Amino acid sequence: MRGFKSAVTMQARMLDIPFDWQARYHDRVIRDDEEFRKIAAYIEQNPLNWCNDDLNK
């Protein structure tokens, strides 16, 4: 993952593309179908909770 992020960052800089990785983000390898389904459900449902998030005001 580190190599991928480094390569993307270097390419963006070479092409003068404004780009930065999200701070405090934890990368994770999805290991099986069940984990994939849980993560997909979180991604789909999370925006519904934004109005209740104190950091999103």
PDB file of N, CA and C in Angstrom:
ATOM      1  N   MET A   1       0.833  -1.179   0.000  1.00  0.00           N
ATOM      2  CA  MET A   1       0.000   0.000   0.000  1.00  0.00           C
ATOM      3  C   MET A   1       0.886   1.254   0.000  1.00  0.00           C
ATOM      4  N   ARG A   2       1.944   1.200   0.793  1.00  0.00           N
ATOM      5  CA  ARG A   2       2.827   2.371   0.864  1.00  0.00           C
ATOM      6  C   ARG A   2       3.414   2.695  -0.507  1.00  0.00           C
ATOM      7  N   GLY A   3       3.832   1.653  -1.247  1.00  0.00           N
ATOM      8  CA  GLY A   3       4.393   1.865  -2.570  1.00  0.00           C
ATOM      9  C   GLY A   3       3.378   2.446  -3.541  1.00  0.00           C
ATOM     10  N   PHE A   4       2.145   1.965  -3.466  1.00  0.00           N
ATOM     11  CA  PHE A   4       1.081   2.478  -4.331  1.00  0.00           C
ATOM     12  C   PHE A   4       0.829   3.955  -4.045  1.00  0.00           C
ATOM     13  N   LYS A   5       0.696   4.293  -2.759  1.00  0.00           N
ATOM     14  CA  LYS A   5       0.422   5.684  -2.393  1.00  0.00           C
ATOM     15  C   LYS A   5       1.588   6.595  -2.787  1.00  0.00           C
ATOM     16  N   SER A   6       2.800   6.090  -2.636  1.00  0.00           N
ATOM     17  CA  SER A   6       3.970   6.868  -3.026  1.00  0.00           C
ATOM     18  C   SER A   6       3.982   7.118  -4.532  1.00  0.00           C
ATOM     19  N   ALA A   7       3.689   6.072  -5.316  1.00  0.00           N
ATOM     20  CA  ALA A   7       3.683   6.214  -6.772  1.00  0.00           C
ATOM     21  C   ALA A   7       2.601   7.179  -7.237  1.00  0.00           C
ATOM     22  N   VAL A   8       1.423   7.093  -6.646  1.00  0.00           N
ATOM     23  CA  VAL A   8       0.329   8.000  -7.021  1.00  0.00           C
ATOM     24  C   VAL A   8       0.699   9.444  -6.678  1.00  0.00           C
ATOM     25  N   THR A   9       1.270   9.644  -5.503  1.00  0.00           N
ATOM     26  CA  THR A   9       1.670  10.993  -5.083  1.00  0.00           C
ATOM     27  C   THR A   9       2.732  11.559  -6.020  1.00  0.00           C
ATOM     28  N   MET A  10       3.729  10.748  -6.354  1.00  0.00           N
ATOM     29  CA  MET A  10       4.795  11.215  -7.249  1.00  0.00           C
ATOM     30  C   MET A  10       4.247  11.553  -8.632  1.00  0.00           C
ATOM     31  N   GLN A  11       3.352  10.722  -9.151  1.00  0.00           N
ATOM     32  CA  GLN A  11       2.769  10.976 -10.473  1.00  0.00           C
ATOM     33  C   GLN A  11       1.942  12.257 -10.458  1.00  0.00           C
ATOM     34  N   ALA A  12       1.171  12.460  -9.416  1.00  0.00           N
ATOM     35  CA  ALA A  12       0.354  13.676  -9.313  1.00  0.00           C
ATOM     36  C   ALA A  12       1.250  14.912  -9.271  1.00  0.00           C
ATOM     37  N   ARG A  13       2.344  14.834  -8.546  1.00  0.00           N
ATOM     38  CA  ARG A  13       3.267  15.977  -8.474  1.00  0.00           C
ATOM     39  C   ARG A  13       3.933  16.244  -9.826  1.00  0.00           C
ATOM     40  N   MET A  14       4.321  15.175 -10.530  1.00  0.00           N
ATOM     41  CA  MET A  14       4.958  15.344 -11.841  1.00  0.00           C
ATOM     42  C   MET A  14       4.005  16.003 -12.829  1.00  0.00           C
ATOM     43  N   LEU A  15       2.719  15.691 -12.723  1.00  0.00           N
ATOM     44  CA  LEU A  15       1.721  16.247 -13.637  1.00  0.00           C
ATOM     45  C   LEU A  15       1.087  17.530 -13.102  1.00  0.00           C
ATOM     46  N   ASP A  16       1.609  18.003 -11.974  1.00  0.00           N
ATOM     47  CA  ASP A  16       1.124  19.236 -11.335  1.00  0.00           C
ATOM     48  C   ASP A  16      -0.381  19.162 -11.044  1.00  0.00           C
ATOM     49  N   ILE A  17      -0.798  18.001 -10.521  1.00  0.00           N
ATOM     50  CA  ILE A  17      -2.198  17.793 -10.146  1.00  0.00           C
ATOM     51  C   ILE A  17      -2.319  18.017  -8.644  1.00  0.00           C
ATOM     52  N   PRO A  18      -3.160  18.961  -8.216  1.00  0.00           N
ATOM     53  CA  PRO A  18      -3.337  19.146  -6.773  1.00  0.00           C
ATOM     54  C   PRO A  18      -3.943  17.887  -6.154  1.00  0.00           C
ATOM     55  N   PHE A  19      -3.231  17.299  -5.241  1.00  0.00           N
ATOM     56  CA  PHE A  19      -3.651  16.009  -4.710  1.00  0.00           C
ATOM     57  C   PHE A  19      -3.042  15.804  -3.336  1.00  0.00           C
ATOM     58  N   ASP A  20      -3.827  15.200  -2.442  1.00  0.00           N
ATOM     59  CA  ASP A  20      -3.305  14.813  -1.136  1.00  0.00           C
ATOM     60  C   ASP A  20      -4.159  13.673  -0.608  1.00  0.00           C
ATOM     61  N   TRP A  21      -3.551  12.806   0.168  1.00  0.00           N
ATOM     62  CA  TRP A  21      -4.280  11.708   0.782  1.00  0.00           C
ATOM     63  C   TRP A  21      -5.049  12.221   1.987  1.00  0.00           C
ATOM     64  N   GLN A  22      -6.161  11.606   2.278  1.00  0.00           N
ATOM     65  CA  GLN A  22      -6.968  11.982   3.435  1.00  0.00           C
ATOM     66  C   GLN A  22      -6.166  11.717   4.709  1.00  0.00           C
ATOM     67  N   ALA A  23      -6.115  12.717   5.587  1.00  0.00           N
ATOM     68  CA  ALA A  23      -5.391  12.580   6.849  1.00  0.00           C
ATOM     69  C   ALA A  23      -6.106  11.611   7.784  1.00  0.00           C
ATOM     70  N   ARG A  24      -5.345  10.955   8.612  1.00  0.00           N
ATOM     71  CA  ARG A  24      -5.859  10.037   9.634  1.00  0.00           C
ATOM     72  C   ARG A  24      -6.710   8.927   9.036  1.00  0.00           C
ATOM     73  N   TYR A  25      -6.335   8.485   7.861  1.00  0.00           N
ATOM     74  CA  TYR A  25      -7.074   7.421   7.176  1.00  0.00           C
ATOM     75  C   TYR A  25      -6.323   6.114   7.362  1.00  0.00           C
ATOM     76  N   HIS A  26      -7.028   5.066   7.686  1.00  0.00           N
ATOM     77  CA  HIS A  26      -6.414   3.761   7.908  1.00  0.00           C
ATOM     78  C   HIS A  26      -6.702   2.849   6.712  1.00  0.00           C
ATOM     79  N   ASP A  27      -5.641   2.467   5.995  1.00  0.00           N
ATOM     80  CA  ASP A  27      -5.786   1.543   4.878  1.00  0.00           C
ATOM     81  C   ASP A  27      -5.977   0.135   5.409  1.00  0.00           C
ATOM     82  N   ARG A  28      -6.771  -0.644   4.718  1.00  0.00           N
ATOM     83  CA  ARG A  28      -7.013  -2.013   5.165  1.00  0.00           C
ATOM     84  C   ARG A  28      -7.231  -2.906   3.948  1.00  0.00           C
ATOM     85  N   VAL A  29      -6.652  -4.079   3.987  1.00  0.00           N
ATOM     86  CA  VAL A  29      -6.867  -5.080   2.944  1.00  0.00           C
ATOM     87  C   VAL A  29      -8.143  -5.846   3.291  1.00  0.00           C
ATOM     88  N   ILE A  30      -9.074  -5.906   2.351  1.00  0.00           N
ATOM     89  CA  ILE A  30     -10.321  -6.647   2.568  1.00  0.00           C
ATOM     90  C   ILE A  30     -10.016  -8.119   2.352  1.00  0.00           C
ATOM     91  N   ARG A  31     -10.277  -8.940   3.373  1.00  0.00           N
ATOM     92  CA  ARG A  31      -9.801 -10.321   3.370  1.00  0.00           C
ATOM     93  C   ARG A  31     -10.822 -11.357   2.910  1.00  0.00           C
ATOM     94  N   ASP A  32     -12.119 -11.035   2.942  1.00  0.00           N
ATOM     95  CA  ASP A  32     -13.098 -12.033   2.503  1.00  0.00           C
ATOM     96  C   ASP A  32     -14.408 -11.340   2.109  1.00  0.00           C
ATOM     97  N   ASP A  33     -15.337 -12.124   1.586  1.00  0.00           N
ATOM     98  CA  ASP A  33     -16.614 -11.567   1.108  1.00  0.00           C
ATOM     99  C   ASP A  33     -17.422 -10.926   2.222  1.00  0.00           C
ATOM    100  N   GLU A  34     -17.415 -11.535   3.398  1.00  0.00           N
ATOM    101  CA  GLU A  34     -18.186 -10.983   4.518  1.00  0.00           C
ATOM    102  C   GLU A  34     -17.660  -9.608   4.913  1.00  0.00           C
ATOM    103  N   GLU A  35     -16.345  -9.467   4.991  1.00  0.00           N
ATOM    104  CA  GLU A  35     -15.759  -8.162   5.314  1.00  0.00           C
ATOM    105  C   GLU A  35     -16.086  -7.150   4.220  1.00  0.00           C
ATOM    106  N   PHE A  36     -16.042  -7.579   2.970  1.00  0.00           N
ATOM    107  CA  PHE A  36     -16.394  -6.693   1.861  1.00  0.00           C
ATOM    108  C   PHE A  36     -17.832  -6.203   1.988  1.00  0.00           C
ATOM    109  N   ARG A  37     -18.756  -7.114   2.296  1.00  0.00           N
ATOM    110  CA  ARG A  37     -20.167  -6.725   2.431  1.00  0.00           C
ATOM    111  C   ARG A  37     -20.367  -5.724   3.565  1.00  0.00           C
ATOM    112  N   LYS A  38     -19.683  -5.933   4.687  1.00  0.00           N
ATOM    113  CA  LYS A  38     -19.807  -5.006   5.819  1.00  0.00           C
ATOM    114  C   LYS A  38     -19.278  -3.623   5.468  1.00  0.00           C
ATOM    115  N   ILE A  39     -18.148  -3.586   4.791  1.00  0.00           N
ATOM    116  CA  ILE A  39     -17.563  -2.296   4.403  1.00  0.00           C
ATOM    117  C   ILE A  39     -18.453  -1.601   3.374  1.00  0.00           C
ATOM    118  N   ALA A  40     -18.974  -2.350   2.411  1.00  0.00           N
ATOM    119  CA  ALA A  40     -19.855  -1.767   1.397  1.00  0.00           C
ATOM    120  C   ALA A  40     -21.116  -1.196   2.050  1.00  0.00           C
ATOM    121  N   ALA A  41     -21.679  -1.909   3.013  1.00  0.00           N
ATOM    122  CA  ALA A  41     -22.877  -1.423   3.710  1.00  0.00           C
ATOM    123  C   ALA A  41     -22.555  -0.141   4.478  1.00  0.00           C
ATOM    124  N   TYR A  42     -21.395  -0.100   5.110  1.00  0.00           N
ATOM    125  CA  TYR A  42     -20.990   1.113   5.835  1.00  0.00           C
ATOM    126  C   TYR A  42     -20.875   2.300   4.874  1.00  0.00           C
ATOM    127  N   ILE A  43     -20.237   2.080   3.731  1.00  0.00           N
ATOM    128  CA  ILE A  43     -20.063   3.165   2.756  1.00  0.00           C
ATOM    129  C   ILE A  43     -21.422   3.661   2.262  1.00  0.00           C
ATOM    130  N   GLU A  44     -22.349   2.760   2.027  1.00  0.00           N
ATOM    131  CA  GLU A  44     -23.667   3.154   1.533  1.00  0.00           C
ATOM    132  C   GLU A  44     -24.497   3.861   2.603  1.00  0.00           C
ATOM    133  N   GLN A  45     -24.407   3.410   3.845  1.00  0.00           N
ATOM    134  CA  GLN A  45     -25.270   3.923   4.909  1.00  0.00           C
ATOM    135  C   GLN A  45     -24.678   5.111   5.660  1.00  0.00           C
ATOM    136  N   ASN A  46     -23.377   5.270   5.641  1.00  0.00           N
ATOM    137  CA  ASN A  46     -22.734   6.307   6.438  1.00  0.00           C
ATOM    138  C   ASN A  46     -23.223   7.728   6.128  1.00  0.00           C
ATOM    139  N   PRO A  47     -23.431   8.118   4.857  1.00  0.00           N
ATOM    140  CA  PRO A  47     -23.901   9.484   4.599  1.00  0.00           C
ATOM    141  C   PRO A  47     -25.220   9.821   5.320  1.00  0.00           C
ATOM    142  N   LEU A  48     -26.036   8.817   5.587  1.00  0.00           N
ATOM    143  CA  LEU A  48     -27.293   9.062   6.298  1.00  0.00           C
ATOM    144  C   LEU A  48     -27.049   9.534   7.727  1.00  0.00           C
ATOM    145  N   ASN A  49     -25.875   9.242   8.278  1.00  0.00           N
ATOM    146  CA  ASN A  49     -25.543   9.613   9.647  1.00  0.00           C
ATOM    147  C   ASN A  49     -24.821  10.952   9.755  1.00  0.00           C
ATOM    148  N   TRP A  50     -24.464  11.563   8.632  1.00  0.00           N
ATOM    149  CA  TRP A  50     -23.682  12.792   8.678  1.00  0.00           C
ATOM    150  C   TRP A  50     -24.387  13.912   9.434  1.00  0.00           C
ATOM    151  N   CYS A  51     -25.701  13.991   9.332  1.00  0.00           N
ATOM    152  CA  CYS A  51     -26.424  15.067  10.002  1.00  0.00           C
ATOM    153  C   CYS A  51     -26.321  14.935  11.524  1.00  0.00           C
ATOM    154  N   ASN A  52     -25.990  13.750  12.023  1.00  0.00           N
ATOM    155  CA  ASN A  52     -25.838  13.535  13.466  1.00  0.00           C
ATOM    156  C   ASN A  52     -24.383  13.643  13.927  1.00  0.00           C
ATOM    157  N   ASP A  53     -23.478  13.901  13.004  1.00  0.00           N
ATOM    158  CA  ASP A  53     -22.044  13.948  13.316  1.00  0.00           C
ATOM    159  C   ASP A  53     -21.630  15.364  13.708  1.00  0.00           C
ATOM    160  N   ASP A  54     -21.158  15.531  14.936  1.00  0.00           N
ATOM    161  CA  ASP A  54     -20.743  16.853  15.432  1.00  0.00           C
ATOM    162  C   ASP A  54     -19.590  17.450  14.633  1.00  0.00           C
ATOM    163  N   LEU A  55     -18.771  16.612  14.009  1.00  0.00           N
ATOM    164  CA  LEU A  55     -17.643  17.108  13.229  1.00  0.00           C
ATOM    165  C   LEU A  55     -18.041  17.525  11.807  1.00  0.00           C
ATOM    166  N   ASN A  56     -19.277  17.312  11.448  1.00  0.00           N
ATOM    167  CA  ASN A  56     -19.754  17.618  10.102  1.00  0.00           C
ATOM    168  C   ASN A  56     -20.714  18.805  10.112  1.00  0.00           C
ATOM    169  N   LYS A  57     -20.456  19.746  10.964  1.00  0.00           N
ATOM    170  CA  LYS A  57     -21.361  20.919  11.038  1.00  0.00           C
ATOM    171  C   LYS A  57     -20.646  22.179  10.700  1.00  0.00           C
TER     172      LYS A  57
END
